[in-house]
């Protein structure tokens, strides 16, 4: 029975390793998605800032 026990333990260890690898990959994908979302939010804020500056510059020109 030693051979079957060794094979069973090896299969279990392989399954656990694969499970960890899948979880790690899931985590990396989630991190990349969060990074992309943050980048999009920054770009949106920059566009808003630029639009506000342009609007303020236009208003300043009208005052002159």
N, C-alpha and C. Protein backbone atom coordinates (compact mmCIF):
# COMPACT_ATOMS: atom_id res chain seq x y z
N UNK A 1 0.82 -1.20 0.00
CA UNK A 1 0.00 0.00 0.00
C UNK A 1 0.86 1.26 0.00
N UNK A 2 2.12 1.14 0.25
CA UNK A 2 2.99 2.30 0.30
C UNK A 2 3.03 3.04 -1.03
N UNK A 3 3.03 2.31 -2.13
CA UNK A 3 3.08 2.93 -3.45
C UNK A 3 1.81 3.73 -3.73
N UNK A 4 0.66 3.17 -3.38
CA UNK A 4 -0.60 3.87 -3.57
C UNK A 4 -0.69 5.11 -2.68
N UNK A 5 -0.21 5.00 -1.46
CA UNK A 5 -0.22 6.15 -0.55
C UNK A 5 0.68 7.25 -1.09
N UNK A 6 1.84 6.88 -1.59
CA UNK A 6 2.75 7.88 -2.16
C UNK A 6 2.12 8.57 -3.38
N UNK A 7 1.47 7.79 -4.22
CA UNK A 7 0.83 8.35 -5.40
C UNK A 7 -0.30 9.29 -4.99
N UNK A 8 -1.06 8.90 -3.97
CA UNK A 8 -2.16 9.73 -3.48
C UNK A 8 -1.61 11.04 -2.92
N UNK A 9 -0.56 10.97 -2.14
CA UNK A 9 0.04 12.18 -1.57
C UNK A 9 0.59 13.09 -2.67
N UNK A 10 1.20 12.49 -3.67
CA UNK A 10 1.74 13.27 -4.78
C UNK A 10 0.62 13.97 -5.54
N UNK A 11 -0.47 13.27 -5.75
CA UNK A 11 -1.62 13.85 -6.45
C UNK A 11 -2.22 14.99 -5.63
N UNK A 12 -2.33 14.81 -4.32
CA UNK A 12 -2.86 15.86 -3.46
C UNK A 12 -1.95 17.09 -3.46
N UNK A 13 -0.64 16.86 -3.39
CA UNK A 13 0.31 17.97 -3.41
C UNK A 13 0.23 18.72 -4.73
N UNK A 14 0.09 17.99 -5.82
CA UNK A 14 -0.04 18.63 -7.14
C UNK A 14 -1.32 19.45 -7.21
N UNK A 15 -2.39 18.90 -6.69
CA UNK A 15 -3.67 19.63 -6.68
C UNK A 15 -3.57 20.91 -5.87
N UNK A 16 -2.91 20.85 -4.71
CA UNK A 16 -2.75 22.04 -3.88
C UNK A 16 -1.89 23.09 -4.59
N UNK A 17 -0.84 22.63 -5.26
CA UNK A 17 0.04 23.56 -5.98
C UNK A 17 -0.72 24.24 -7.11
N UNK A 18 -1.51 23.47 -7.84
CA UNK A 18 -2.32 24.05 -8.91
C UNK A 18 -3.34 25.05 -8.36
N UNK A 19 -3.93 24.71 -7.25
CA UNK A 19 -4.90 25.60 -6.62
C UNK A 19 -4.26 26.93 -6.24
N UNK A 20 -3.06 26.87 -5.66
CA UNK A 20 -2.34 28.09 -5.29
C UNK A 20 -2.00 28.91 -6.53
N UNK A 21 -1.59 28.22 -7.60
CA UNK A 21 -1.24 28.92 -8.84
C UNK A 21 -2.46 29.63 -9.43
N UNK A 22 -3.60 28.98 -9.38
CA UNK A 22 -4.84 29.59 -9.88
C UNK A 22 -5.19 30.82 -9.03
N UNK A 23 -5.10 30.70 -7.72
CA UNK A 23 -5.39 31.82 -6.83
C UNK A 23 -4.43 32.98 -7.08
N UNK A 24 -3.16 32.68 -7.28
CA UNK A 24 -2.16 33.73 -7.56
C UNK A 24 -2.49 34.44 -8.87
N UNK A 25 -2.87 33.67 -9.87
CA UNK A 25 -3.21 34.25 -11.17
C UNK A 25 -4.45 35.13 -11.05
N UNK A 26 -5.43 34.65 -10.30
CA UNK A 26 -6.64 35.43 -10.07
C UNK A 26 -6.29 36.75 -9.39
N UNK A 27 -5.40 36.71 -8.43
CA UNK A 27 -4.98 37.91 -7.72
C UNK A 27 -4.27 38.89 -8.63
N UNK A 28 -3.40 38.37 -9.49
CA UNK A 28 -2.68 39.25 -10.43
C UNK A 28 -3.64 39.91 -11.41
N UNK A 29 -4.61 39.16 -11.89
CA UNK A 29 -5.60 39.71 -12.82
C UNK A 29 -6.42 40.79 -12.12
N UNK A 30 -6.81 40.53 -10.89
CA UNK A 30 -7.57 41.52 -10.13
C UNK A 30 -6.75 42.78 -9.90
N UNK A 31 -5.47 42.61 -9.60
CA UNK A 31 -4.59 43.76 -9.40
C UNK A 31 -4.47 44.59 -10.67
N UNK A 32 -4.33 43.93 -11.81
CA UNK A 32 -4.23 44.65 -13.09
C UNK A 32 -5.53 45.40 -13.39
N UNK A 33 -6.66 44.77 -13.08
CA UNK A 33 -7.95 45.44 -13.30
C UNK A 33 -8.07 46.67 -12.41
N UNK A 34 -7.66 46.56 -11.16
CA UNK A 34 -7.68 47.70 -10.25
C UNK A 34 -6.77 48.81 -10.75
N UNK A 35 -5.61 48.43 -11.26
CA UNK A 35 -4.65 49.41 -11.79
C UNK A 35 -5.24 50.14 -13.00
N UNK A 36 -5.89 49.40 -13.88
CA UNK A 36 -6.50 50.02 -15.06
C UNK A 36 -7.62 50.97 -14.66
N UNK A 37 -8.41 50.56 -13.67
CA UNK A 37 -9.50 51.42 -13.19
C UNK A 37 -8.93 52.70 -12.58
N UNK A 38 -7.88 52.60 -11.80
CA UNK A 38 -7.26 53.78 -11.20
C UNK A 38 -6.68 54.69 -12.28
N UNK A 39 -6.06 54.12 -13.29
CA UNK A 39 -5.52 54.92 -14.39
C UNK A 39 -6.64 55.68 -15.10
N UNK A 40 -7.76 55.01 -15.32
CA UNK A 40 -8.90 55.66 -15.98
C UNK A 40 -9.43 56.80 -15.13
N UNK A 41 -9.48 56.62 -13.83
CA UNK A 41 -9.96 57.68 -12.94
C UNK A 41 -9.02 58.88 -12.96
N UNK A 42 -7.72 58.62 -13.01
CA UNK A 42 -6.73 59.71 -13.06
C UNK A 42 -6.89 60.48 -14.37
N UNK A 43 -7.04 59.76 -15.48
CA UNK A 43 -7.21 60.43 -16.77
C UNK A 43 -8.48 61.27 -16.79
N UNK A 44 -9.54 60.76 -16.18
CA UNK A 44 -10.79 61.51 -16.12
C UNK A 44 -10.59 62.79 -15.30
N UNK A 45 -9.90 62.69 -14.18
CA UNK A 45 -9.64 63.86 -13.35
C UNK A 45 -8.77 64.87 -14.09
N UNK A 46 -7.79 64.39 -14.85
CA UNK A 46 -6.94 65.29 -15.63
C UNK A 46 -7.74 66.02 -16.70
N UNK A 47 -8.64 65.29 -17.37
CA UNK A 47 -9.48 65.93 -18.39
C UNK A 47 -10.38 66.99 -17.75
N UNK A 48 -10.92 66.68 -16.58
CA UNK A 48 -11.78 67.62 -15.88
C UNK A 48 -10.98 68.87 -15.50
N UNK A 49 -9.76 68.68 -15.01
CA UNK A 49 -8.90 69.81 -14.65
C UNK A 49 -8.60 70.67 -15.87
N UNK A 50 -8.26 70.00 -16.97
CA UNK A 50 -7.94 70.74 -18.20
C UNK A 50 -9.16 71.52 -18.71
N UNK A 51 -10.32 70.92 -18.63
CA UNK A 51 -11.54 71.60 -19.08
C UNK A 51 -11.82 72.81 -18.19
N UNK A 52 -11.63 72.66 -16.90
CA UNK A 52 -11.85 73.78 -15.98
C UNK A 52 -10.86 74.90 -16.24
N UNK A 53 -9.62 74.56 -16.48
CA UNK A 53 -8.61 75.58 -16.80
C UNK A 53 -8.97 76.31 -18.09
N UNK A 54 -9.41 75.57 -19.10
CA UNK A 54 -9.78 76.19 -20.37
C UNK A 54 -10.97 77.12 -20.18
N UNK A 55 -11.94 76.67 -19.41
CA UNK A 55 -13.13 77.50 -19.14
C UNK A 55 -12.73 78.78 -18.40
N UNK A 56 -11.85 78.65 -17.41
CA UNK A 56 -11.41 79.81 -16.65
C UNK A 56 -10.60 80.77 -17.52
N UNK A 57 -9.76 80.22 -18.40
CA UNK A 57 -8.98 81.06 -19.31
C UNK A 57 -9.92 81.83 -20.24
N UNK A 58 -10.95 81.16 -20.73
CA UNK A 58 -11.90 81.80 -21.62
C UNK A 58 -12.63 82.93 -20.89
N UNK A 59 -13.06 82.66 -19.68
CA UNK A 59 -13.74 83.70 -18.89
C UNK A 59 -12.82 84.88 -18.64
N UNK A 60 -11.56 84.61 -18.39
CA UNK A 60 -10.58 85.68 -18.16
C UNK A 60 -10.41 86.54 -19.41
N UNK A 61 -10.41 85.90 -20.58
CA UNK A 61 -10.28 86.63 -21.83
C UNK A 61 -11.50 87.52 -22.06
N UNK A 62 -12.66 87.04 -21.67
CA UNK A 62 -13.88 87.84 -21.84
C UNK A 62 -13.85 89.07 -20.95
N UNK A 63 -13.21 88.99 -19.83
CA UNK A 63 -13.13 90.12 -18.89
C UNK A 63 -12.20 91.21 -19.42
N UNK A 64 -11.24 90.83 -20.23
CA UNK A 64 -10.25 91.80 -20.73
C UNK A 64 -10.80 92.71 -21.78
